[in-house]
Amino acid sequence: MSTPPLDPDVADVAPNEPALTAYDEQHVVTYIRLLQAEGQGADWREVARIVLHVDPEREPERARTAYESHLARAKWVTEQGRLLRGAGS
């Protein structure tokens, strides 16, 4: 895997495939930022604005959907996808 971009734009909805995708590999940093923000109790609206580049004031449904789908994917990637655990885990 090559070095992922630090702050890529995101799709309106994260992938939901049962295997890792190229999108997942490109958004590793996004997933990490989402998980850290959740762990720190950050407001989802602020996270959507800063991490996902979606303004929750102007596009509340899009922002909420993007946030929820990407956070769910971030959890899947770390728990089942093995993208962030390393090949030997």
C-alpha atoms as a PDB file:
ATOM      1  CA  MET A   1       0.000   0.000   0.000  1.00  0.00           C
ATOM      2  CA  SER A   2       1.355   3.412  -0.932  1.00  0.00           C
ATOM      3  CA  THR A   3       1.218   6.379   1.414  1.00  0.00           C
ATOM      4  CA  PRO A   4      -2.412   7.556   1.671  1.00  0.00           C
ATOM      5  CA  PRO A   5      -3.296  11.233   1.214  1.00  0.00           C
ATOM      6  CA  LEU A   6      -3.515  13.197   4.463  1.00  0.00           C
ATOM      7  CA  ASP A   7      -6.783  15.011   3.827  1.00  0.00           C
ATOM      8  CA  PRO A   8      -8.673  13.510   0.863  1.00  0.00           C
ATOM      9  CA  ASP A   9     -12.169  14.485  -0.152  1.00  0.00           C
ATOM     10  CA  VAL A  10     -14.750  11.826   0.652  1.00  0.00           C
ATOM     11  CA  ALA A  11     -17.692  10.260  -1.124  1.00  0.00           C
ATOM     12  CA  ASP A  12     -21.192  10.950   0.180  1.00  0.00           C
ATOM     13  CA  VAL A  13     -21.294   7.365   1.488  1.00  0.00           C
ATOM     14  CA  ALA A  14     -18.379   5.129   2.483  1.00  0.00           C
ATOM     15  CA  PRO A  15     -17.992   1.696   0.875  1.00  0.00           C
ATOM     16  CA  ASN A  16     -19.956  -1.180   2.350  1.00  0.00           C
ATOM     17  CA  GLU A  17     -18.220  -4.104   0.663  1.00  0.00           C
ATOM     18  CA  PRO A  18     -17.171  -7.140   2.715  1.00  0.00           C
ATOM     19  CA  ALA A  19     -13.540  -6.609   1.645  1.00  0.00           C
ATOM     20  CA  LEU A  20     -11.093  -3.730   1.732  1.00  0.00           C
ATOM     21  CA  THR A  21     -11.277  -1.389  -1.224  1.00  0.00           C
ATOM     22  CA  ALA A  22      -8.935   1.093  -2.870  1.00  0.00           C
ATOM     23  CA  TYR A  23     -11.153   3.794  -1.323  1.00  0.00           C
ATOM     24  CA  ASP A  24     -10.425   2.359   2.133  1.00  0.00           C
ATOM     25  CA  GLU A  25      -6.699   2.430   1.474  1.00  0.00           C
ATOM     26  CA  GLN A  26      -6.894   6.039   0.277  1.00  0.00           C
ATOM     27  CA  HIS A  27      -8.901   7.085   3.360  1.00  0.00           C
ATOM     28  CA  VAL A  28      -6.907   5.456   6.165  1.00  0.00           C
ATOM     29  CA  VAL A  29      -6.040   8.858   7.619  1.00  0.00           C
ATOM     30  CA  THR A  30      -9.690   9.926   7.426  1.00  0.00           C
ATOM     31  CA  TYR A  31     -10.736   6.780   9.284  1.00  0.00           C
ATOM     32  CA  ILE A  32      -8.114   7.347  11.978  1.00  0.00           C
ATOM     33  CA  ARG A  33      -9.222  10.956  12.434  1.00  0.00           C
ATOM     34  CA  LEU A  34     -12.868   9.874  12.743  1.00  0.00           C
ATOM     35  CA  LEU A  35     -12.046   7.244  15.355  1.00  0.00           C
ATOM     36  CA  GLN A  36      -9.914   9.686  17.340  1.00  0.00           C
ATOM     37  CA  ALA A  37     -12.641  12.333  17.234  1.00  0.00           C
ATOM     38  CA  GLU A  38     -15.253   9.860  18.424  1.00  0.00           C
ATOM     39  CA  GLY A  39     -12.949   8.726  21.231  1.00  0.00           C
ATOM     40  CA  GLN A  40     -12.546  12.334  22.331  1.00  0.00           C
ATOM     41  CA  GLY A  41     -16.289  12.968  22.247  1.00  0.00           C
ATOM     42  CA  ALA A  42     -16.135  15.529  19.440  1.00  0.00           C
ATOM     43  CA  ASP A  43     -19.390  16.850  18.021  1.00  0.00           C
ATOM     44  CA  TRP A  44     -20.207  15.001  14.793  1.00  0.00           C
ATOM     45  CA  ARG A  45     -21.001  18.298  13.031  1.00  0.00           C
ATOM     46  CA  GLU A  46     -17.523  19.647  13.692  1.00  0.00           C
ATOM     47  CA  VAL A  47     -15.988  16.373  12.539  1.00  0.00           C
ATOM     48  CA  ALA A  48     -18.069  16.398   9.345  1.00  0.00           C
ATOM     49  CA  ARG A  49     -16.928  19.941   8.599  1.00  0.00           C
ATOM     50  CA  ILE A  50     -13.239  19.465   9.358  1.00  0.00           C
ATOM     51  CA  VAL A  51     -12.520  15.844   8.462  1.00  0.00           C
ATOM     52  CA  LEU A  52     -15.093  15.121   5.757  1.00  0.00           C
ATOM     53  CA  HIS A  53     -15.307  18.617   4.233  1.00  0.00           C
ATOM     54  CA  VAL A  54     -19.110  18.644   4.364  1.00  0.00           C
ATOM     55  CA  ASP A  55     -20.878  21.618   5.941  1.00  0.00           C
ATOM     56  CA  PRO A  56     -23.630  20.315   8.243  1.00  0.00           C
ATOM     57  CA  GLU A  57     -25.343  23.711   8.270  1.00  0.00           C
ATOM     58  CA  ARG A  58     -25.769  23.803   4.497  1.00  0.00           C
ATOM     59  CA  GLU A  59     -26.158  20.074   3.863  1.00  0.00           C
ATOM     60  CA  PRO A  60     -27.344  18.433   7.109  1.00  0.00           C
ATOM     61  CA  GLU A  61     -28.499  15.124   5.618  1.00  0.00           C
ATOM     62  CA  ARG A  62     -25.418  14.683   3.442  1.00  0.00           C
ATOM     63  CA  ALA A  63     -23.152  15.554   6.371  1.00  0.00           C
ATOM     64  CA  ARG A  64     -24.866  13.127   8.744  1.00  0.00           C
ATOM     65  CA  THR A  65     -24.906  10.307   6.194  1.00  0.00           C
ATOM     66  CA  ALA A  66     -21.248  10.841   5.292  1.00  0.00           C
ATOM     67  CA  TYR A  67     -20.251  10.975   8.958  1.00  0.00           C
ATOM     68  CA  GLU A  68     -22.189   7.874   9.987  1.00  0.00           C
ATOM     69  CA  SER A  69     -21.165   5.761   6.998  1.00  0.00           C
ATOM     70  CA  HIS A  70     -17.487   6.697   7.232  1.00  0.00           C
ATOM     71  CA  LEU A  71     -17.369   6.148  10.991  1.00  0.00           C
ATOM     72  CA  ALA A  72     -19.009   2.738  10.565  1.00  0.00           C
ATOM     73  CA  ARG A  73     -16.504   1.887   7.840  1.00  0.00           C
ATOM     74  CA  ALA A  74     -13.616   3.077  10.012  1.00  0.00           C
ATOM     75  CA  LYS A  75     -14.756   0.708  12.754  1.00  0.00           C
ATOM     76  CA  TRP A  76     -15.168  -2.158  10.298  1.00  0.00           C
ATOM     77  CA  VAL A  77     -11.716  -1.517   8.821  1.00  0.00           C
ATOM     78  CA  THR A  78     -10.078  -1.668  12.250  1.00  0.00           C
ATOM     79  CA  GLU A  79     -12.149  -4.547  13.647  1.00  0.00           C
ATOM     80  CA  GLN A  80     -12.593  -6.842  10.648  1.00  0.00           C
ATOM     81  CA  GLY A  81     -10.886  -5.340   7.626  1.00  0.00           C
ATOM     82  CA  ARG A  82      -7.421  -5.553   9.174  1.00  0.00           C
ATOM     83  CA  LEU A  83      -6.232  -2.495   7.249  1.00  0.00           C
ATOM     84  CA  LEU A  84      -4.941  -0.755  10.354  1.00  0.00           C
ATOM     85  CA  ARG A  85      -3.802  -3.816  12.329  1.00  0.00           C
ATOM     86  CA  GLY A  86      -1.025  -4.975  10.074  1.00  0.00           C
ATOM     87  CA  ALA A  87      -0.670  -8.097   7.998  1.00  0.00           C
ATOM     88  CA  GLY A  88       0.547 -10.339  10.810  1.00  0.00           C
ATOM     89  CA  SER A  89      -2.388  -9.733  13.151  1.00  0.00           C
END
